[in-house]
Amino acid sequence: MFALLRLFVVLMVLLTIVYWALVFYFRAGERDRLEAEWEAEQPPLPRDTYVENGIREYRRSLRRKLLWGVYIVPIGTICILIYVVNYA
């Protein structure tokens, strides 16, 4: 029981580190894309406002929600493996 708890704690710490690294990586890529798009189009908005509006939209996007798969897939896989090894 304690081994499973220890595994869960270590796994959550590692997955949280991976999650935040991916969040910062994707956000930086989105910011770079928005800045390049602003340079190409030259919209009437100031650059900072244009980029911040794009980042605000990005926060609600599907890609951001898919990052939760960082938690769900490994934990689900471990739960399935534990079930199969012990009960199947």
C-alpha atoms as a PDB file:
ATOM      1  CA  MET A   1       0.000   0.000   0.000  1.00  0.00           C
ATOM      2  CA  PHE A   2       2.784   2.429   0.885  1.00  0.00           C
ATOM      3  CA  ALA A   3       4.620   1.556  -2.320  1.00  0.00           C
ATOM      4  CA  LEU A   4       1.548   2.507  -4.349  1.00  0.00           C
ATOM      5  CA  LEU A   5       1.211   5.778  -2.431  1.00  0.00           C
ATOM      6  CA  ARG A   6       4.897   6.539  -2.953  1.00  0.00           C
ATOM      7  CA  LEU A   7       4.551   5.741  -6.670  1.00  0.00           C
ATOM      8  CA  PHE A   8       1.532   8.039  -6.916  1.00  0.00           C
ATOM      9  CA  VAL A   9       3.300  10.944  -5.180  1.00  0.00           C
ATOM     10  CA  VAL A  10       6.461  10.634  -7.286  1.00  0.00           C
ATOM     11  CA  LEU A  11       4.400  10.223 -10.462  1.00  0.00           C
ATOM     12  CA  MET A  12       2.317  13.328  -9.708  1.00  0.00           C
ATOM     13  CA  VAL A  13       5.449  15.401  -9.058  1.00  0.00           C
ATOM     14  CA  LEU A  14       7.065  14.244 -12.303  1.00  0.00           C
ATOM     15  CA  LEU A  15       3.887  14.697 -14.337  1.00  0.00           C
ATOM     16  CA  THR A  16       3.407  18.184 -12.910  1.00  0.00           C
ATOM     17  CA  ILE A  17       6.928  19.132 -13.984  1.00  0.00           C
ATOM     18  CA  VAL A  18       6.271  17.751 -17.474  1.00  0.00           C
ATOM     19  CA  TYR A  19       2.894  19.520 -17.629  1.00  0.00           C
ATOM     20  CA  TRP A  20       4.313  22.945 -16.751  1.00  0.00           C
ATOM     21  CA  ALA A  21       7.251  22.483 -19.115  1.00  0.00           C
ATOM     22  CA  LEU A  22       4.799  21.752 -21.955  1.00  0.00           C
ATOM     23  CA  VAL A  23       2.603  24.708 -20.981  1.00  0.00           C
ATOM     24  CA  PHE A  24       5.548  27.112 -21.147  1.00  0.00           C
ATOM     25  CA  TYR A  25       6.840  25.553 -24.366  1.00  0.00           C
ATOM     26  CA  PHE A  26       3.481  25.727 -26.164  1.00  0.00           C
ATOM     27  CA  ARG A  27       2.778  29.227 -24.886  1.00  0.00           C
ATOM     28  CA  ALA A  28       6.163  30.452 -26.112  1.00  0.00           C
ATOM     29  CA  GLY A  29       5.528  28.883 -29.511  1.00  0.00           C
ATOM     30  CA  GLU A  30       2.101  30.492 -29.706  1.00  0.00           C
ATOM     31  CA  ARG A  31       3.553  33.865 -28.714  1.00  0.00           C
ATOM     32  CA  ASP A  32       6.212  33.555 -31.439  1.00  0.00           C
ATOM     33  CA  ARG A  33       3.547  32.615 -33.987  1.00  0.00           C
ATOM     34  CA  LEU A  34       1.389  35.590 -33.016  1.00  0.00           C
ATOM     35  CA  GLU A  35       4.329  37.987 -33.204  1.00  0.00           C
ATOM     36  CA  ALA A  36       5.255  36.697 -36.666  1.00  0.00           C
ATOM     37  CA  GLU A  37       1.623  36.979 -37.749  1.00  0.00           C
ATOM     38  CA  TRP A  38       1.497  40.574 -36.491  1.00  0.00           C
ATOM     39  CA  GLU A  39       4.693  41.398 -38.407  1.00  0.00           C
ATOM     40  CA  ALA A  40       3.250  39.931 -41.618  1.00  0.00           C
ATOM     41  CA  GLU A  41      -0.210  41.512 -41.404  1.00  0.00           C
ATOM     42  CA  GLN A  42       0.437  44.775 -39.501  1.00  0.00           C
ATOM     43  CA  PRO A  43      -3.093  44.988 -37.990  1.00  0.00           C
ATOM     44  CA  PRO A  44      -4.273  48.280 -36.467  1.00  0.00           C
ATOM     45  CA  LEU A  45      -3.807  46.961 -32.916  1.00  0.00           C
ATOM     46  CA  PRO A  46      -0.516  47.524 -31.109  1.00  0.00           C
ATOM     47  CA  ARG A  47       1.731  44.464 -31.089  1.00  0.00           C
ATOM     48  CA  ASP A  48       1.432  43.788 -27.340  1.00  0.00           C
ATOM     49  CA  THR A  49      -2.365  44.020 -27.418  1.00  0.00           C
ATOM     50  CA  TYR A  50      -2.570  41.735 -30.451  1.00  0.00           C
ATOM     51  CA  VAL A  51      -0.322  39.128 -28.824  1.00  0.00           C
ATOM     52  CA  GLU A  52      -2.139  39.278 -25.465  1.00  0.00           C
ATOM     53  CA  ASN A  53      -5.522  38.851 -27.175  1.00  0.00           C
ATOM     54  CA  GLY A  54      -4.148  35.825 -29.021  1.00  0.00           C
ATOM     55  CA  ILE A  55      -2.740  34.323 -25.825  1.00  0.00           C
ATOM     56  CA  ARG A  56      -6.108  34.857 -24.112  1.00  0.00           C
ATOM     57  CA  GLU A  57      -7.801  32.904 -26.924  1.00  0.00           C
ATOM     58  CA  TYR A  58      -5.097  30.229 -26.729  1.00  0.00           C
ATOM     59  CA  ARG A  59      -5.854  29.613 -23.055  1.00  0.00           C
ATOM     60  CA  ARG A  60      -9.326  28.414 -24.052  1.00  0.00           C
ATOM     61  CA  SER A  61      -8.109  26.340 -26.996  1.00  0.00           C
ATOM     62  CA  LEU A  62      -8.201  22.583 -27.400  1.00  0.00           C
ATOM     63  CA  ARG A  63      -4.417  22.194 -27.323  1.00  0.00           C
ATOM     64  CA  ARG A  64      -4.269  23.582 -23.828  1.00  0.00           C
ATOM     65  CA  LYS A  65      -6.934  21.146 -22.673  1.00  0.00           C
ATOM     66  CA  LEU A  66      -5.137  18.255 -24.314  1.00  0.00           C
ATOM     67  CA  LEU A  67      -2.196  18.846 -22.025  1.00  0.00           C
ATOM     68  CA  TRP A  68      -4.312  17.293 -19.279  1.00  0.00           C
ATOM     69  CA  GLY A  69      -3.603  14.056 -21.128  1.00  0.00           C
ATOM     70  CA  VAL A  70      -0.221  14.309 -19.477  1.00  0.00           C
ATOM     71  CA  TYR A  71      -1.985  13.304 -16.269  1.00  0.00           C
ATOM     72  CA  ILE A  72      -4.809  11.087 -17.486  1.00  0.00           C
ATOM     73  CA  VAL A  73      -2.950   8.765 -19.869  1.00  0.00           C
ATOM     74  CA  PRO A  74      -0.125   7.643 -17.531  1.00  0.00           C
ATOM     75  CA  ILE A  75      -2.358   7.284 -14.473  1.00  0.00           C
ATOM     76  CA  GLY A  76      -4.997   5.426 -16.487  1.00  0.00           C
ATOM     77  CA  THR A  77      -2.359   3.117 -17.931  1.00  0.00           C
ATOM     78  CA  ILE A  78      -0.978   2.324 -14.486  1.00  0.00           C
ATOM     79  CA  CYS A  79      -4.483   1.635 -13.135  1.00  0.00           C
ATOM     80  CA  ILE A  80      -5.243  -0.709 -16.033  1.00  0.00           C
ATOM     81  CA  LEU A  81      -1.922  -2.517 -15.583  1.00  0.00           C
ATOM     82  CA  ILE A  82      -2.538  -2.957 -11.863  1.00  0.00           C
ATOM     83  CA  TYR A  83      -5.999  -4.367 -12.567  1.00  0.00           C
ATOM     84  CA  VAL A  84      -4.757  -6.744 -15.272  1.00  0.00           C
ATOM     85  CA  VAL A  85      -1.836  -8.018 -13.205  1.00  0.00           C
ATOM     86  CA  ASN A  86      -3.907  -8.586 -10.061  1.00  0.00           C
ATOM     87  CA  TYR A  87      -7.335  -9.656 -11.323  1.00  0.00           C
ATOM     88  CA  ALA A  88      -7.131 -10.920 -14.885  1.00  0.00           C
END
